[in-house]
Amino acid sequence: MAGQLTPLVLVPRYTTYSGALDFTTIGMDVTAYQTVIVNFWRPALIGGGTDIAVYFEESTDQNSWSQCTGSPSQPVNPLPNQETQYSYTLSKRWFRLRLVLPNTG
């Protein structure tokens, strides 16, 4: 149905990351959609880090990933304890999020 929104949870709200600095969601087939709208919320980071880099990526083959059409050249860094909405036009078959945590050493 044209114009229908389909909600999906990419990363559950209370997910904790530890160890590696780079995490990705599973690639999702988005051929049935034209746009992705992502509501993103994050808490204050523990361990002294203040930034998180969020990349909205797409791929034709799930091997080579690039930033979504119209996304900023730099990753987004949502403010802590605030929900932020991002919207991008999809031009490839697969979509995922890549989260890069600060290196707090």
C-alpha atoms as a PDB file:
ATOM      1  CA  MET A   1       0.000   0.000   0.000  1.00  0.00           C
ATOM      2  CA  ALA A   2       1.509   3.352  -1.041  1.00  0.00           C
ATOM      3  CA  GLY A   3       2.391   5.653   1.823  1.00  0.00           C
ATOM      4  CA  GLN A   4       2.204   2.964   4.484  1.00  0.00           C
ATOM      5  CA  LEU A   5       4.769   3.151   7.301  1.00  0.00           C
ATOM      6  CA  THR A   6       6.218  -0.136   8.514  1.00  0.00           C
ATOM      7  CA  PRO A   7       7.839   0.122  11.955  1.00  0.00           C
ATOM      8  CA  LEU A   8      10.954  -1.965  12.583  1.00  0.00           C
ATOM      9  CA  VAL A   9      13.293  -2.038  15.558  1.00  0.00           C
ATOM     10  CA  LEU A  10      16.888  -1.838  14.335  1.00  0.00           C
ATOM     11  CA  VAL A  11      18.503  -1.528  17.763  1.00  0.00           C
ATOM     12  CA  PRO A  12      16.369  -2.057  20.896  1.00  0.00           C
ATOM     13  CA  ARG A  13      16.246   1.010  23.128  1.00  0.00           C
ATOM     14  CA  TYR A  14      18.169  -0.498  26.051  1.00  0.00           C
ATOM     15  CA  THR A  15      20.936  -2.220  24.111  1.00  0.00           C
ATOM     16  CA  THR A  16      24.401  -2.091  25.678  1.00  0.00           C
ATOM     17  CA  TYR A  17      27.574  -2.198  23.593  1.00  0.00           C
ATOM     18  CA  SER A  18      30.921  -3.170  25.025  1.00  0.00           C
ATOM     19  CA  GLY A  19      34.277  -4.098  23.549  1.00  0.00           C
ATOM     20  CA  ALA A  20      34.590  -3.421  19.834  1.00  0.00           C
ATOM     21  CA  LEU A  21      34.064   0.145  18.687  1.00  0.00           C
ATOM     22  CA  ASP A  22      32.129  -0.566  15.489  1.00  0.00           C
ATOM     23  CA  PHE A  23      28.699  -2.263  15.447  1.00  0.00           C
ATOM     24  CA  THR A  24      26.274  -2.815  12.561  1.00  0.00           C
ATOM     25  CA  THR A  25      22.669  -3.910  12.364  1.00  0.00           C
ATOM     26  CA  ILE A  26      21.679  -6.702  10.035  1.00  0.00           C
ATOM     27  CA  GLY A  27      21.202  -5.594   6.429  1.00  0.00           C
ATOM     28  CA  MET A  28      17.498  -5.354   5.587  1.00  0.00           C
ATOM     29  CA  ASP A  29      15.983  -5.736   2.131  1.00  0.00           C
ATOM     30  CA  VAL A  30      14.239  -2.407   1.500  1.00  0.00           C
ATOM     31  CA  THR A  31      13.308  -2.783  -2.182  1.00  0.00           C
ATOM     32  CA  ALA A  32       9.632  -2.253  -1.310  1.00  0.00           C
ATOM     33  CA  TYR A  33      10.365   1.185   0.217  1.00  0.00           C
ATOM     34  CA  GLN A  34      11.442   4.580  -1.079  1.00  0.00           C
ATOM     35  CA  THR A  35      12.427   6.272   2.181  1.00  0.00           C
ATOM     36  CA  VAL A  36      13.761   5.317   5.567  1.00  0.00           C
ATOM     37  CA  ILE A  37      12.737   7.307   8.653  1.00  0.00           C
ATOM     38  CA  VAL A  38      14.813   6.479  11.720  1.00  0.00           C
ATOM     39  CA  ASN A  39      13.941   7.633  15.225  1.00  0.00           C
ATOM     40  CA  PHE A  40      17.159   7.507  17.246  1.00  0.00           C
ATOM     41  CA  TRP A  41      17.540   7.868  21.010  1.00  0.00           C
ATOM     42  CA  ARG A  42      20.683   7.394  23.062  1.00  0.00           C
ATOM     43  CA  PRO A  43      21.581   7.908  26.710  1.00  0.00           C
ATOM     44  CA  ALA A  44      24.646   9.693  28.014  1.00  0.00           C
ATOM     45  CA  LEU A  45      27.643   7.463  27.333  1.00  0.00           C
ATOM     46  CA  ILE A  46      29.463   5.739  30.176  1.00  0.00           C
ATOM     47  CA  GLY A  47      33.248   5.828  30.416  1.00  0.00           C
ATOM     48  CA  GLY A  48      33.945   9.427  29.505  1.00  0.00           C
ATOM     49  CA  GLY A  49      32.899   9.309  25.867  1.00  0.00           C
ATOM     50  CA  THR A  50      30.524  11.983  24.650  1.00  0.00           C
ATOM     51  CA  ASP A  51      30.179  11.232  20.949  1.00  0.00           C
ATOM     52  CA  ILE A  52      28.733   8.371  18.974  1.00  0.00           C
ATOM     53  CA  ALA A  53      28.944   8.228  15.199  1.00  0.00           C
ATOM     54  CA  VAL A  54      25.862   6.884  13.426  1.00  0.00           C
ATOM     55  CA  TYR A  55      26.033   6.009   9.748  1.00  0.00           C
ATOM     56  CA  PHE A  56      22.966   5.230   7.633  1.00  0.00           C
ATOM     57  CA  GLU A  57      24.247   2.838   4.987  1.00  0.00           C
ATOM     58  CA  GLU A  58      22.932   1.078   1.899  1.00  0.00           C
ATOM     59  CA  SER A  59      24.244  -1.614  -0.426  1.00  0.00           C
ATOM     60  CA  THR A  60      23.383  -3.484  -3.598  1.00  0.00           C
ATOM     61  CA  ASP A  61      25.079  -6.719  -2.475  1.00  0.00           C
ATOM     62  CA  GLN A  62      25.580  -6.583   1.346  1.00  0.00           C
ATOM     63  CA  ASN A  63      29.352  -6.588   0.805  1.00  0.00           C
ATOM     64  CA  SER A  64      30.081  -3.011  -0.220  1.00  0.00           C
ATOM     65  CA  TRP A  65      28.304  -0.384   1.920  1.00  0.00           C
ATOM     66  CA  SER A  66      28.008   3.371   1.354  1.00  0.00           C
ATOM     67  CA  GLN A  67      26.158   6.174   3.072  1.00  0.00           C
ATOM     68  CA  CYS A  68      22.515   6.652   2.069  1.00  0.00           C
ATOM     69  CA  THR A  69      21.610   9.141  -0.618  1.00  0.00           C
ATOM     70  CA  GLY A  70      21.273  12.610   0.876  1.00  0.00           C
ATOM     71  CA  SER A  71      22.951  11.713   4.168  1.00  0.00           C
ATOM     72  CA  PRO A  72      25.551  14.149   5.493  1.00  0.00           C
ATOM     73  CA  SER A  73      29.191  13.581   4.574  1.00  0.00           C
ATOM     74  CA  GLN A  74      29.938  13.200   8.286  1.00  0.00           C
ATOM     75  CA  PRO A  75      28.162  10.709  10.562  1.00  0.00           C
ATOM     76  CA  VAL A  76      25.402  12.011  12.799  1.00  0.00           C
ATOM     77  CA  ASN A  77      25.924  12.311  16.559  1.00  0.00           C
ATOM     78  CA  PRO A  78      22.516  12.368  18.287  1.00  0.00           C
ATOM     79  CA  LEU A  79      22.328  14.365  21.507  1.00  0.00           C
ATOM     80  CA  PRO A  80      22.052  12.304  24.695  1.00  0.00           C
ATOM     81  CA  ASN A  81      18.608  11.739  26.218  1.00  0.00           C
ATOM     82  CA  GLN A  82      16.799  13.205  23.218  1.00  0.00           C
ATOM     83  CA  GLU A  83      14.971  11.431  20.432  1.00  0.00           C
ATOM     84  CA  THR A  84      16.071  12.598  16.988  1.00  0.00           C
ATOM     85  CA  GLN A  85      14.482  11.688  13.657  1.00  0.00           C
ATOM     86  CA  TYR A  86      16.428  11.179  10.424  1.00  0.00           C
ATOM     87  CA  SER A  87      14.978  10.568   6.952  1.00  0.00           C
ATOM     88  CA  TYR A  88      16.808   9.400   3.830  1.00  0.00           C
ATOM     89  CA  THR A  89      15.858   8.350   0.319  1.00  0.00           C
ATOM     90  CA  LEU A  90      16.708   4.741  -0.453  1.00  0.00           C
ATOM     91  CA  SER A  91      18.388   3.960  -3.766  1.00  0.00           C
ATOM     92  CA  LYS A  92      19.794   0.471  -3.169  1.00  0.00           C
ATOM     93  CA  ARG A  93      18.386  -2.885  -2.071  1.00  0.00           C
ATOM     94  CA  TRP A  94      19.879  -3.203   1.434  1.00  0.00           C
ATOM     95  CA  PHE A  95      19.864  -0.827   4.430  1.00  0.00           C
ATOM     96  CA  ARG A  96      21.649  -0.918   7.795  1.00  0.00           C
ATOM     97  CA  LEU A  97      22.890   1.271  10.628  1.00  0.00           C
ATOM     98  CA  ARG A  98      26.532   1.377  11.640  1.00  0.00           C
ATOM     99  CA  LEU A  99      27.352   2.686  15.121  1.00  0.00           C
ATOM    100  CA  VAL A 100      30.897   3.717  16.014  1.00  0.00           C
ATOM    101  CA  LEU A 101      31.562   4.268  19.704  1.00  0.00           C
ATOM    102  CA  PRO A 102      34.272   6.585  21.005  1.00  0.00           C
ATOM    103  CA  ASN A 103      37.605   5.022  21.850  1.00  0.00           C
ATOM    104  CA  THR A 104      37.897   5.717  25.571  1.00  0.00           C
ATOM    105  CA  GLY A 105      41.010   3.588  25.828  1.00  0.00           C
END
